[in-house]
Each structure stands twice: as structure tokens, then as C-alpha cells.
C-alpha atoms as a PDB file:
ATOM      1  CA  MET A   1      -5.837-127.710  77.052  1.00  0.00           C
ATOM      2  CA  ALA A   2      -7.119-129.266  79.881  1.00  0.00           C
ATOM      3  CA  ARG A   3      -9.352-132.530  79.241  1.00  0.00           C
ATOM      4  CA  ASP A   4     -12.962-132.184  80.347  1.00  0.00           C
ATOM      5  CA  GLY A   5     -13.429-132.672  84.235  1.00  0.00           C
ATOM      6  CA  PHE A   6      -9.727-132.096  85.002  1.00  0.00           C
ATOM      7  CA  ARG A   7      -8.175-128.495  86.024  1.00  0.00           C
ATOM      8  CA  LEU A   8      -5.279-127.638  88.299  1.00  0.00           C
ATOM      9  CA  VAL A   9      -6.358-125.276  90.919  1.00  0.00           C
ATOM     10  CA  THR A  10      -4.238-122.726  92.877  1.00  0.00           C
ATOM     11  CA  VAL A  11      -1.608-123.515  95.290  1.00  0.00           C
ATOM     12  CA  GLN A  12      -2.745-122.424  98.850  1.00  0.00           C
ATOM     13  CA  HIS A  13      -0.226-121.414 101.428  1.00  0.00           C
ATOM     14  CA  LYS A  14      -1.198-123.249 104.845  1.00  0.00           C
ATOM     15  CA  ARG A  15      -3.500-121.015 106.928  1.00  0.00           C
ATOM     16  CA  VAL A  16      -2.134-119.273 110.017  1.00  0.00           C
ATOM     17  CA  GLN A  17      -4.787-121.103 112.236  1.00  0.00           C
ATOM     18  CA  ASP A  18      -3.337-124.615 111.083  1.00  0.00           C
ATOM     19  CA  GLN A  19      -0.069-123.701 112.014  1.00  0.00           C
ATOM     20  CA  VAL A  20      -1.002-122.358 115.289  1.00  0.00           C
ATOM     21  CA  PHE A  21      -2.953-125.443 115.843  1.00  0.00           C
ATOM     22  CA  ASP A  22       0.334-127.655 114.723  1.00  0.00           C
ATOM     23  CA  GLN A  23       2.653-125.804 117.227  1.00  0.00           C
ATOM     24  CA  LEU A  24       0.317-126.186 120.032  1.00  0.00           C
ATOM     25  CA  LEU A  25      -0.082-129.786 119.519  1.00  0.00           C
ATOM     26  CA  ASP A  26       3.538-130.296 119.164  1.00  0.00           C
ATOM     27  CA  GLN A  27       4.356-128.665 122.372  1.00  0.00           C
ATOM     28  CA  ILE A  28       1.796-130.688 124.283  1.00  0.00           C
ATOM     29  CA  LYS A  29       3.068-133.951 122.635  1.00  0.00           C
ATOM     30  CA  GLY A  30       6.731-132.865 123.784  1.00  0.00           C
ATOM     31  CA  GLY A  31       5.719-132.576 127.435  1.00  0.00           C
ATOM     32  CA  MET A  32       5.880-128.912 127.168  1.00  0.00           C
ATOM     33  CA  TRP A  33       2.547-128.721 128.898  1.00  0.00           C
ATOM     34  CA  PRO A  34       1.854-132.358 130.344  1.00  0.00           C
ATOM     35  CA  ALA A  35      -1.554-133.603 131.414  1.00  0.00           C
ATOM     36  CA  GLY A  36      -3.218-131.289 133.678  1.00  0.00           C
ATOM     37  CA  SER A  37      -1.555-128.363 133.265  1.00  0.00           C
ATOM     38  CA  LYS A  38      -2.943-125.251 131.991  1.00  0.00           C
ATOM     39  CA  LEU A  39      -2.376-123.535 128.724  1.00  0.00           C
ATOM     40  CA  PRO A  40      -1.049-120.029 128.386  1.00  0.00           C
ATOM     41  CA  SER A  41      -4.174-117.558 127.848  1.00  0.00           C
ATOM     42  CA  GLU A  42      -5.313-116.606 124.565  1.00  0.00           C
ATOM     43  CA  ASN A  43      -3.392-113.507 124.826  1.00  0.00           C
ATOM     44  CA  GLU A  44      -0.256-114.915 126.120  1.00  0.00           C
ATOM     45  CA  LEU A  45      -0.248-117.215 123.292  1.00  0.00           C
ATOM     46  CA  ARG A  46      -1.178-114.333 120.596  1.00  0.00           C
ATOM     47  CA  ILE A  47       1.682-112.239 121.639  1.00  0.00           C
ATOM     48  CA  GLN A  48       4.044-115.461 121.652  1.00  0.00           C
ATOM     49  CA  LEU A  49       3.005-116.474 118.120  1.00  0.00           C
ATOM     50  CA  GLY A  50       2.561-113.257 116.651  1.00  0.00           C
ATOM     51  CA  VAL A  51      -1.002-114.268 115.446  1.00  0.00           C
ATOM     52  CA  SER A  52      -4.598-112.842 115.970  1.00  0.00           C
ATOM     53  CA  ARG A  53      -6.530-114.044 118.921  1.00  0.00           C
ATOM     54  CA  ILE A  54      -9.084-115.638 116.511  1.00  0.00           C
ATOM     55  CA  SER A  55      -6.612-117.868 115.172  1.00  0.00           C
ATOM     56  CA  VAL A  56      -5.383-118.847 118.646  1.00  0.00           C
ATOM     57  CA  ARG A  57      -8.894-119.209 119.715  1.00  0.00           C
ATOM     58  CA  GLU A  58     -10.041-121.543 116.729  1.00  0.00           C
ATOM     59  CA  SER A  59      -6.860-123.711 117.194  1.00  0.00           C
ATOM     60  CA  ILE A  60      -7.903-124.353 121.065  1.00  0.00           C
ATOM     61  CA  LYS A  61     -11.442-125.092 119.866  1.00  0.00           C
ATOM     62  CA  LYS A  62     -10.122-127.975 117.838  1.00  0.00           C
ATOM     63  CA  LEU A  63      -7.976-129.521 120.474  1.00  0.00           C
ATOM     64  CA  VAL A  64     -10.939-129.418 122.505  1.00  0.00           C
ATOM     65  CA  ALA A  65     -12.944-130.999 119.826  1.00  0.00           C
ATOM     66  CA  LEU A  66     -10.267-133.929 119.809  1.00  0.00           C
ATOM     67  CA  GLY A  67     -10.516-134.609 123.339  1.00  0.00           C
ATOM     68  CA  ILE A  68      -6.797-133.291 123.719  1.00  0.00           C
ATOM     69  CA  VAL A  69      -7.615-130.128 125.699  1.00  0.00           C
ATOM     70  CA  GLU A  70     -10.559-129.215 128.038  1.00  0.00           C
ATOM     71  CA  THR A  71     -11.836-125.633 128.888  1.00  0.00           C
ATOM     72  CA  LYS A  72     -13.152-124.698 131.830  1.00  0.00           C
ATOM     73  CA  GLN A  73     -15.299-121.634 132.069  1.00  0.00           C
ATOM     74  CA  GLY A  74     -13.596-118.646 133.893  1.00  0.00           C
ATOM     75  CA  GLU A  75     -10.303-120.628 134.497  1.00  0.00           C
ATOM     76  CA  GLY A  76      -8.643-121.285 131.104  1.00  0.00           C
ATOM     77  CA  SER A  77      -7.714-124.073 129.174  1.00  0.00           C
ATOM     78  CA  TYR A  78      -6.024-127.415 130.607  1.00  0.00           C
ATOM     79  CA  VAL A  79      -4.597-130.468 128.569  1.00  0.00           C
ATOM     80  CA  LYS A  80      -6.625-133.373 129.481  1.00  0.00           C
ATOM     81  CA  LYS A  81      -5.922-136.131 132.056  1.00  0.00           C
ATOM     82  CA  ILE A  82      -6.874-139.383 130.106  1.00  0.00           C
ATOM     83  CA  SER A  83      -7.802-142.467 131.925  1.00  0.00           C
ATOM     84  CA  SER A  84      -9.821-145.823 131.548  1.00  0.00           C
ATOM     85  CA  SER A  85     -12.747-143.930 131.964  1.00  0.00           C
ATOM     86  CA  SER A  86     -12.191-141.979 128.487  1.00  0.00           C
ATOM     87  CA  TYR A  87     -11.927-145.024 126.610  1.00  0.00           C
ATOM     88  CA  SER A  88     -15.600-144.084 124.960  1.00  0.00           C
ATOM     89  CA  ASP A  89     -13.545-141.137 123.349  1.00  0.00           C
ATOM     90  CA  MET A  90     -12.213-142.814 120.400  1.00  0.00           C
ATOM     91  CA  MET A  91     -10.591-139.563 119.462  1.00  0.00           C
ATOM     92  CA  ILE A  92      -7.976-139.845 122.043  1.00  0.00           C
ATOM     93  CA  PRO A  93      -4.798-139.561 120.734  1.00  0.00           C
ATOM     94  CA  MET A  94      -2.267-142.419 122.021  1.00  0.00           C
ATOM     95  CA  PHE A  95       0.441-139.915 123.072  1.00  0.00           C
ATOM     96  CA  LEU A  96      -2.217-138.756 125.867  1.00  0.00           C
ATOM     97  CA  LEU A  97      -2.850-142.221 127.251  1.00  0.00           C
ATOM     98  CA  GLU A  98      -1.125-142.322 130.979  1.00  0.00           C
ATOM     99  CA  SER A  99       1.202-145.358 131.407  1.00  0.00           C
ATOM    100  CA  ARG A 100      -1.226-146.759 133.772  1.00  0.00           C
ATOM    101  CA  THR A 101      -3.798-146.439 131.142  1.00  0.00           C
ATOM    102  CA  LEU A 102      -1.901-148.866 128.820  1.00  0.00           C
ATOM    103  CA  LEU A 103      -1.239-151.440 131.687  1.00  0.00           C
ATOM    104  CA  GLU A 104      -5.056-151.349 132.106  1.00  0.00           C
ATOM    105  CA  ILE A 105      -5.483-152.258 128.424  1.00  0.00           C
ATOM    106  CA  LEU A 106      -3.082-155.080 128.530  1.00  0.00           C
ATOM    107  CA  GLU A 107      -4.907-156.483 132.237  1.00  0.00           C
ATOM    108  CA  TYR A 108      -8.420-155.879 130.006  1.00  0.00           C
ATOM    109  CA  ARG A 109      -6.864-158.128 127.448  1.00  0.00           C
ATOM    110  CA  LYS A 110      -5.442-160.992 129.851  1.00  0.00           C
ATOM    111  CA  VAL A 111      -9.384-160.959 131.750  1.00  0.00           C
ATOM    112  CA  MET A 112     -11.432-160.692 128.440  1.00  0.00           C
ATOM    113  CA  GLU A 113      -9.092-162.881 125.701  1.00  0.00           C
ATOM    114  CA  VAL A 114      -8.191-165.680 128.047  1.00  0.00           C
ATOM    115  CA  GLY A 115     -12.076-166.132 128.869  1.00  0.00           C
ATOM    116  CA  ALA A 116     -13.022-165.332 125.313  1.00  0.00           C
ATOM    117  CA  THR A 117     -10.689-168.222 124.121  1.00  0.00           C
ATOM    118  CA  GLU A 118     -12.034-170.861 126.346  1.00  0.00           C
ATOM    119  CA  ILE A 119     -15.709-170.206 124.956  1.00  0.00           C
ATOM    120  CA  ALA A 120     -14.280-169.925 121.433  1.00  0.00           C
ATOM    121  CA  VAL A 121     -12.694-173.674 121.638  1.00  0.00           C
ATOM    122  CA  GLU A 122     -16.110-174.797 122.059  1.00  0.00           C
ATOM    123  CA  ARG A 123     -18.191-172.670 119.755  1.00  0.00           C
ATOM    124  CA  ALA A 124     -15.978-171.901 116.941  1.00  0.00           C
ATOM    125  CA  THR A 125     -17.228-173.198 113.322  1.00  0.00           C
ATOM    126  CA  GLN A 126     -15.290-174.402 110.630  1.00  0.00           C
ATOM    127  CA  GLU A 127     -15.661-171.296 109.024  1.00  0.00           C
ATOM    128  CA  ASP A 128     -14.223-169.329 112.169  1.00  0.00           C
ATOM    129  CA  ILE A 129     -11.288-171.620 112.395  1.00  0.00           C
ATOM    130  CA  ASP A 130     -10.600-171.171 108.223  1.00  0.00           C
ATOM    131  CA  ILE A 131     -10.556-167.013 109.227  1.00  0.00           C
ATOM    132  CA  LEU A 132      -8.195-167.755 112.065  1.00  0.00           C
ATOM    133  CA  GLU A 133      -5.998-169.753 109.583  1.00  0.00           C
ATOM    134  CA  GLU A 134      -6.078-167.007 106.937  1.00  0.00           C
ATOM    135  CA  ILE A 135      -4.966-164.555 109.629  1.00  0.00           C
ATOM    136  CA  VAL A 136      -2.180-166.562 111.074  1.00  0.00           C
ATOM    137  CA  VAL A 137      -0.598-167.713 107.571  1.00  0.00           C
ATOM    138  CA  ARG A 138      -0.716-164.227 106.555  1.00  0.00           C
ATOM    139  CA  MET A 139       1.161-163.121 109.842  1.00  0.00           C
ATOM    140  CA  GLU A 140       3.701-165.852 109.005  1.00  0.00           C
ATOM    141  CA  GLY A 141       4.632-163.958 105.783  1.00  0.00           C
ATOM    142  CA  GLU A 142       7.916-162.118 105.697  1.00  0.00           C
ATOM    143  CA  GLU A 143       6.761-159.152 103.502  1.00  0.00           C
ATOM    144  CA  LEU A 144       4.239-157.359 106.138  1.00  0.00           C
ATOM    145  CA  ASP A 145       5.685-154.150 107.691  1.00  0.00           C
ATOM    146  CA  MET A 146       4.843-153.468 111.570  1.00  0.00           C
ATOM    147  CA  LYS A 147       1.573-151.700 110.868  1.00  0.00           C
ATOM    148  CA  GLU A 148       0.055-154.333 108.812  1.00  0.00           C
ATOM    149  CA  PHE A 149       1.335-156.961 111.061  1.00  0.00           C
ATOM    150  CA  ALA A 150      -0.322-154.964 113.919  1.00  0.00           C
ATOM    151  CA  LYS A 151      -3.574-155.133 112.338  1.00  0.00           C
ATOM    152  CA  LEU A 152      -3.640-158.972 111.478  1.00  0.00           C
ATOM    153  CA  ASP A 153      -2.505-159.415 115.481  1.00  0.00           C
ATOM    154  CA  LEU A 154      -5.459-157.656 116.525  1.00  0.00           C
ATOM    155  CA  GLU A 155      -7.779-159.172 114.110  1.00  0.00           C
ATOM    156  CA  PHE A 156      -6.786-162.629 115.032  1.00  0.00           C
ATOM    157  CA  HIS A 157      -7.895-161.704 118.856  1.00  0.00           C
ATOM    158  CA  MET A 158     -11.208-159.910 117.442  1.00  0.00           C
ATOM    159  CA  ALA A 159     -11.946-163.096 115.208  1.00  0.00           C
ATOM    160  CA  ILE A 160     -11.852-165.257 118.398  1.00  0.00           C
ATOM    161  CA  SER A 161     -13.974-162.978 120.123  1.00  0.00           C
ATOM    162  CA  ARG A 162     -16.422-163.333 117.286  1.00  0.00           C
ATOM    163  CA  SER A 163     -16.088-167.095 117.622  1.00  0.00           C
ATOM    164  CA  THR A 164     -17.751-167.004 120.938  1.00  0.00           C
ATOM    165  CA  LYS A 165     -20.888-165.965 119.529  1.00  0.00           C
ATOM    166  CA  ASN A 166     -21.582-163.735 122.527  1.00  0.00           C
ATOM    167  CA  ASP A 167     -22.726-160.662 121.481  1.00  0.00           C
ATOM    168  CA  LEU A 168     -21.524-158.801 124.887  1.00  0.00           C
ATOM    169  CA  ILE A 169     -17.958-159.889 124.528  1.00  0.00           C
ATOM    170  CA  ILE A 170     -18.044-159.303 120.710  1.00  0.00           C
ATOM    171  CA  ASN A 171     -19.689-155.441 121.091  1.00  0.00           C
ATOM    172  CA  SER A 172     -17.317-154.962 124.148  1.00  0.00           C
ATOM    173  CA  ASN A 173     -14.262-155.487 122.106  1.00  0.00           C
ATOM    174  CA  ASN A 174     -15.756-153.618 119.191  1.00  0.00           C
ATOM    175  CA  PHE A 175     -16.490-150.615 121.588  1.00  0.00           C
ATOM    176  CA  VAL A 176     -12.659-150.416 122.832  1.00  0.00           C
ATOM    177  CA  ARG A 177     -11.345-151.660 119.232  1.00  0.00           C
ATOM    178  CA  ASP A 178      -9.390-148.286 118.399  1.00  0.00           C
ATOM    179  CA  ILE A 179      -7.996-148.249 121.753  1.00  0.00           C
ATOM    180  CA  LEU A 180      -6.674-151.962 121.530  1.00  0.00           C
ATOM    181  CA  MET A 181      -5.517-150.990 118.026  1.00  0.00           C
ATOM    182  CA  ARG A 182      -3.122-148.290 119.148  1.00  0.00           C
ATOM    183  CA  SER A 183      -1.845-150.578 121.872  1.00  0.00           C
ATOM    184  CA  MET A 184      -1.184-153.089 119.489  1.00  0.00           C
ATOM    185  CA  GLU A 185       0.732-150.884 117.437  1.00  0.00           C
ATOM    186  CA  SER A 186       2.917-149.835 120.185  1.00  0.00           C
ATOM    187  CA  ILE A 187       3.247-153.440 121.405  1.00  0.00           C
ATOM    188  CA  VAL A 188       4.589-154.528 117.854  1.00  0.00           C
ATOM    189  CA  THR A 189       6.651-151.739 117.448  1.00  0.00           C
ATOM    190  CA  ASN A 190       8.690-152.694 120.449  1.00  0.00           C
ATOM    191  CA  LEU A 191       8.562-156.456 120.857  1.00  0.00           C
ATOM    192  CA  GLY A 192       8.783-157.125 116.974  1.00  0.00           C
ATOM    193  CA  LYS A 193       6.540-160.220 115.218  1.00  0.00           C
ATOM    194  CA  THR A 194       7.954-163.235 116.842  1.00  0.00           C
ATOM    195  CA  GLY A 195       5.825-163.755 119.789  1.00  0.00           C
ATOM    196  CA  GLY A 196       2.603-162.902 117.881  1.00  0.00           C
ATOM    197  CA  ARG A 197       3.465-165.820 115.442  1.00  0.00           C
ATOM    198  CA  TYR A 198       4.591-168.184 117.738  1.00  0.00           C
ATOM    199  CA  TYR A 199       1.515-168.087 120.233  1.00  0.00           C
ATOM    200  CA  HIS A 200      -0.983-167.409 117.552  1.00  0.00           C
ATOM    201  CA  ARG A 201      -0.054-170.395 115.995  1.00  0.00           C
ATOM    202  CA  LYS A 202      -0.081-172.679 118.872  1.00  0.00           C
ATOM    203  CA  ILE A 203      -3.504-171.041 120.072  1.00  0.00           C
ATOM    204  CA  LEU A 204      -5.151-172.073 116.713  1.00  0.00           C
ATOM    205  CA  GLU A 205      -3.863-175.412 116.665  1.00  0.00           C
ATOM    206  CA  ALA A 206      -5.436-176.023 120.311  1.00  0.00           C
ATOM    207  CA  ILE A 207      -8.665-174.652 118.957  1.00  0.00           C
ATOM    208  CA  LYS A 208      -8.618-176.925 115.998  1.00  0.00           C
ATOM    209  CA  ARG A 209      -8.149-179.833 118.379  1.00  0.00           C
ATOM    210  CA  ARG A 210     -10.785-178.576 120.785  1.00  0.00           C
ATOM    211  CA  ASP A 211      -8.275-178.569 123.110  1.00  0.00           C
ATOM    212  CA  VAL A 212      -9.616-175.836 125.982  1.00  0.00           C
ATOM    213  CA  THR A 213      -6.927-176.114 128.319  1.00  0.00           C
ATOM    214  CA  GLU A 214      -4.142-176.017 125.780  1.00  0.00           C
ATOM    215  CA  ALA A 215      -5.376-172.933 124.139  1.00  0.00           C
ATOM    216  CA  THR A 216      -6.498-170.920 127.273  1.00  0.00           C
ATOM    217  CA  GLN A 217      -2.986-171.673 128.570  1.00  0.00           C
ATOM    218  CA  MET A 218      -1.141-170.390 125.548  1.00  0.00           C
ATOM    219  CA  MET A 219      -3.468-167.177 125.537  1.00  0.00           C
ATOM    220  CA  ARG A 220      -2.721-166.501 129.024  1.00  0.00           C
ATOM    221  CA  GLU A 221       0.826-167.378 128.563  1.00  0.00           C
ATOM    222  CA  HIS A 222       0.856-164.846 125.589  1.00  0.00           C
ATOM    223  CA  VAL A 223      -0.701-161.916 127.088  1.00  0.00           C
ATOM    224  CA  VAL A 224       1.282-162.190 130.431  1.00  0.00           C
ATOM    225  CA  LEU A 225       4.302-162.153 128.628  1.00  0.00           C
ATOM    226  CA  THR A 226       3.480-159.403 126.906  1.00  0.00           C
ATOM    227  CA  ILE A 227       2.431-157.491 130.117  1.00  0.00           C
ATOM    228  CA  GLU A 228       6.153-158.549 131.357  1.00  0.00           C
ATOM    229  CA  GLN A 229       7.772-157.283 128.430  1.00  0.00           C
ATOM    230  CA  MET A 230       6.095-154.227 127.998  1.00  0.00           C
ATOM    231  CA  ARG A 231       5.731-152.999 131.748  1.00  0.00           C
ATOM    232  CA  PRO A 232       9.468-151.592 131.636  1.00  0.00           C
ATOM    233  CA  ILE A 233       9.118-149.820 128.070  1.00  0.00           C
ATOM    234  CA  ILE A 234       5.647-148.453 129.302  1.00  0.00           C
ATOM    235  CA  MET A 235       7.201-147.017 132.559  1.00  0.00           C
ATOM    236  CA  GLU A 236      10.115-145.417 130.946  1.00  0.00           C
ATOM    237  CA  SER A 237       8.067-143.504 128.327  1.00  0.00           C
END
């Protein structure tokens, strides 16, 4: 007899609409329909997939809601072209970001993070430094997987921006946090943990000494090296 409040429910087969959505998304991810290209008409998709027109229409609506596809009245549906002007849409999947856009993210970091570090050296409180120390110590541990390491990597940079006590800097980074997180995951996956560990420790120690020259130099070197290492990887993808 089932305990009160607990019961099993009938297993449901995956809805046709969900299967249609998955297939369309897979084709976009796989490059069958690159950015800017027009999707087949609802009728063509209905015939190819052997489903109702409603299932196709609802799947396309879902792609539109996720910011992957846009529908133009009287013309059809197109895979969206994503650029830096689309950063406000936090639903944008990483696979839709163009190579140029990924480089723009890194260039944004070079400008923003070097400047933020310069200010943080002067304004960071002992509490701020303790937070940075905790993050770096956790990054230096061996048990972290790549995703956890990437989260800590970004958190280190976000903590520096908070240390500036400048609301515009803090809010700007919070606004693009999701985009930064996705780029950070790509960086860590491709480049590993060594660079982050080395430079974050160097930057932190310079902040502790209130050495603005060393701190900004290490941050600039950190981001510039990342750009140099990621550029060929991004352009090949």
C-alpha cells in the first residue's frame, strides 16, 4: 500500500511536438540551417516529419521564444543572426554565437576587467580580499570538474568588479553574466585550469599588497593570453 502523499503516476510517451522541436533544434545545431537561413515551410516540415501542421507550428513558436528563430510576416521563419547587440537576450544558446561575437566578449573583458582591477586594488575591503582568497583556494583544489572550475573562475572576476564599489561596473557585469559564464565554460574546456590558477593567485597577491601596477599587469596578461589562445580555436569552430 502506498504511503500517504506518495503515489506513482503513469509513464507518458514523449509528445510528438517535443520530438519535432528536438529534431529541428538538432538540425540547427548541426548546421543544416545556419544563421540567417530560411527554414522549410510548415507544410514541407509537416510532410518530411510525418506530423500535423500544429505540431510543427508549436515547435517553431518554441524556437522563436528561445531566441533561436525569428518569424517574418509573409516571408517565413529564419535562424537568427546573433551579435553583440543581442546580449540582452539571456536565452541565447552558446552555439548560436558567432565567432566574432565570442572574440567581442573577450575584448569586453580586457577593457572591463583591467580597469576594474585598477580600482579594486584601492577600494577592496578586507572582506572583499577574504572572498577572493576563498575563491582562489577552491580553484587550487584538485577535485573540481571543469564546469565547477569555470563557475569559480567567473566568480573571481565578478568579485573583483564588486570590490570596485562602482555600481555601473557591477551592474554592467551582472547584465552580461550569463554570456560571460558561457564563454568561461568554453575557455576552461579548451584551455584547462592551469592559467586561471596561476594568474588568479598572482592578481590576488598583488591586490593584498595594494600593488596597482602588478595587479593590472597580471590581469591584462591573463586576458590577452586567453584571447591569443582562444582565437584559433574560435575561428576553427
